[in-house]
Amino acid sequence: MAGEAVAFETGPHLSAAVLCERVLEEKDGVLTLVRLVDRIIVTAQGPDAPTSLPPTVVNFWIVVSLKSGAARGRSVVKIRPEQPSGQQMDPIELTVHFEGEDRGANLILNMGFNVEQEGLYWFDILLDERLITRVPLRILYQRQTAGSQ
């Protein structure tokens, strides 16, 4: 166990794990993250608006930035969503290559994410099956019928 702690302390290192509305990547590899989000409000309008959240697709970007440190070679990054009920969803798996030191990997994914429940979703970020962080997303539902403000 002590060896694992030392290995984790020497790299790879997490620089960022965020959800955002848009990502710009310049020619020099520098990222601009636009409108960081941790909650999305789904609305329905009209006299026939459902009383509870209907199945909906929400769109956002997830960005995970890692720096190598002492790490070298390939690793697997998993992004594993968890519903408000606690049920884990199918993970997204990506392979990254670490070259060492300040070199790293930016994982940038455009998510069309299906939601069927209001509440707090978590996105677990795992590196080679080890949890390195969790990113929250709260889904709220607002129903607007005729005459309401």
Protein backbone atom coordinates (compact mmCIF):
# COMPACT_ATOMS: atom_id res chain seq x y z
CA MET A 1 0.00 0.00 0.00
CA ALA A 2 2.77 2.47 0.81
CA GLY A 3 4.24 1.90 -2.66
CA GLU A 4 0.93 2.89 -4.24
CA ALA A 5 0.86 6.18 -2.32
CA VAL A 6 4.39 7.01 -3.46
CA ALA A 7 3.58 6.14 -7.10
CA PHE A 8 0.49 8.34 -6.99
CA GLU A 9 2.45 11.24 -5.47
CA THR A 10 5.01 11.14 -8.28
CA GLY A 11 2.49 11.13 -11.13
CA PRO A 12 0.50 11.26 -13.15
CA HIS A 13 -1.18 14.33 -11.66
CA LEU A 14 -4.66 15.73 -12.23
CA SER A 15 -4.58 19.34 -13.49
CA ALA A 16 -8.31 19.76 -14.11
CA ALA A 17 -11.57 17.84 -14.33
CA VAL A 18 -14.52 20.05 -15.26
CA LEU A 19 -17.78 20.26 -17.14
CA CYS A 20 -18.27 23.28 -19.36
CA GLU A 21 -20.44 24.73 -22.09
CA ARG A 22 -17.67 25.02 -24.67
CA VAL A 23 -13.96 24.31 -25.16
CA LEU A 24 -11.63 26.23 -27.43
CA GLU A 25 -8.29 24.63 -28.28
CA GLU A 26 -5.75 26.96 -29.86
CA LYS A 27 -3.08 25.90 -32.35
CA ASP A 28 -0.48 25.91 -29.57
CA GLY A 29 -2.56 23.43 -27.54
CA VAL A 30 -3.76 25.96 -24.95
CA LEU A 31 -7.34 25.38 -23.80
CA THR A 32 -10.00 27.96 -23.04
CA LEU A 33 -12.89 26.55 -21.00
CA VAL A 34 -16.08 28.57 -21.46
CA ARG A 35 -18.82 28.65 -18.81
CA LEU A 36 -17.95 25.98 -16.28
CA VAL A 37 -21.14 24.21 -15.22
CA ASP A 38 -22.17 22.09 -12.29
CA ARG A 39 -25.92 22.32 -12.79
CA ILE A 40 -28.26 22.28 -15.76
CA ILE A 41 -31.89 23.34 -15.63
CA VAL A 42 -34.20 21.46 -17.99
CA THR A 43 -37.43 23.33 -18.74
CA ALA A 44 -40.73 22.34 -20.28
CA GLN A 45 -43.39 24.87 -21.20
CA GLY A 46 -47.03 24.77 -22.07
CA PRO A 47 -50.27 23.36 -20.71
CA ASP A 48 -49.16 19.78 -21.42
CA ALA A 49 -45.73 20.10 -19.80
CA PRO A 50 -44.96 16.90 -17.83
CA THR A 51 -45.08 17.15 -14.05
CA SER A 52 -41.72 15.39 -13.72
CA LEU A 53 -38.56 15.39 -15.79
CA PRO A 54 -39.10 13.63 -19.12
CA PRO A 55 -36.15 11.70 -20.61
CA THR A 56 -33.88 14.43 -21.96
CA VAL A 57 -30.49 14.79 -23.60
CA VAL A 58 -28.28 17.50 -22.08
CA ASN A 59 -25.18 18.68 -23.89
CA PHE A 60 -21.89 19.76 -22.33
CA TRP A 61 -18.17 19.15 -22.58
CA ILE A 62 -16.10 17.24 -20.05
CA VAL A 63 -12.41 18.08 -19.83
CA VAL A 64 -9.84 16.03 -17.94
CA SER A 65 -6.27 17.32 -17.95
CA LEU A 66 -3.43 15.16 -16.66
CA LYS A 67 0.31 15.81 -16.32
CA SER A 68 2.84 12.98 -16.38
CA GLY A 69 5.20 13.73 -13.52
CA ALA A 70 7.27 10.53 -13.23
CA ALA A 71 4.70 8.47 -15.16
CA ARG A 72 5.73 6.98 -18.51
CA GLY A 73 3.78 4.90 -21.00
CA ARG A 74 0.13 4.08 -21.57
CA SER A 75 -2.69 4.34 -19.10
CA VAL A 76 -6.45 3.95 -19.31
CA VAL A 77 -8.74 6.77 -18.20
CA LYS A 78 -12.36 5.91 -17.45
CA ILE A 79 -15.15 8.40 -17.05
CA ARG A 80 -17.94 6.61 -15.22
CA PRO A 81 -21.27 8.43 -14.75
CA GLU A 82 -23.41 7.70 -11.71
CA GLN A 83 -27.13 8.49 -11.56
CA PRO A 84 -28.78 10.20 -8.56
CA SER A 85 -30.07 6.77 -7.52
CA GLY A 86 -26.45 5.60 -7.15
CA GLN A 87 -26.61 3.33 -10.20
CA GLN A 88 -23.39 3.43 -12.20
CA MET A 89 -23.70 3.84 -15.94
CA ASP A 90 -21.44 2.43 -18.65
CA PRO A 91 -18.02 4.11 -18.54
CA ILE A 92 -16.23 5.84 -21.37
CA GLU A 93 -12.68 4.47 -21.73
CA LEU A 94 -9.78 6.32 -23.31
CA THR A 95 -6.11 5.47 -23.62
CA VAL A 96 -3.52 8.15 -22.86
CA HIS A 97 0.25 8.13 -23.25
CA PHE A 98 2.47 9.79 -20.68
CA GLU A 99 5.88 11.08 -21.81
CA GLY A 100 7.03 12.31 -18.40
CA GLU A 101 7.53 15.56 -16.53
CA ASP A 102 5.23 18.40 -17.65
CA ARG A 103 3.98 16.49 -20.68
CA GLY A 104 0.48 15.14 -20.33
CA ALA A 105 -2.88 14.58 -21.91
CA ASN A 106 -6.01 16.66 -22.31
CA LEU A 107 -9.16 14.58 -22.73
CA ILE A 108 -11.94 16.67 -24.26
CA LEU A 109 -15.31 14.99 -24.80
CA ASN A 110 -18.52 16.46 -26.17
CA MET A 111 -21.25 14.76 -24.18
CA GLY A 112 -24.82 14.21 -25.33
CA PHE A 113 -25.88 12.83 -21.96
CA ASN A 114 -29.23 11.11 -21.39
CA VAL A 115 -30.94 12.07 -18.13
CA GLU A 116 -34.12 10.51 -16.77
CA GLN A 117 -33.92 11.68 -13.16
CA GLU A 118 -33.59 15.00 -11.41
CA GLY A 119 -30.80 15.16 -8.91
CA LEU A 120 -27.06 14.91 -8.52
CA TYR A 121 -25.07 12.96 -11.12
CA TRP A 122 -21.41 12.18 -10.53
CA PHE A 123 -18.71 11.56 -13.11
CA ASP A 124 -16.00 9.39 -11.56
CA ILE A 125 -12.59 9.83 -13.17
CA LEU A 126 -10.46 6.70 -12.87
CA LEU A 127 -6.87 6.24 -13.97
CA ASP A 128 -5.87 2.60 -14.39
CA GLU A 129 -8.87 1.60 -12.23
CA ARG A 130 -7.95 4.05 -9.42
CA LEU A 131 -10.41 6.82 -8.60
CA ILE A 132 -8.64 10.17 -8.90
CA THR A 133 -11.61 12.55 -8.62
CA ARG A 134 -15.37 12.97 -9.00
CA VAL A 135 -17.12 15.77 -10.90
CA PRO A 136 -20.71 16.70 -9.95
CA LEU A 137 -23.62 17.71 -12.20
CA ARG A 138 -27.01 18.59 -10.73
CA ILE A 139 -30.01 18.28 -13.05
CA LEU A 140 -33.04 20.41 -12.13
CA TYR A 141 -36.45 20.39 -13.80
CA GLN A 142 -38.68 23.45 -14.15
CA ARG A 143 -42.21 23.11 -15.45
CA GLN A 144 -43.88 26.24 -16.80
CA THR A 145 -47.57 26.18 -17.62
CA ALA A 146 -49.66 28.98 -19.15
CA GLY A 147 -50.03 31.90 -16.76
CA SER A 148 -47.03 30.96 -14.55
CA GLN A 149 -43.98 33.16 -14.38
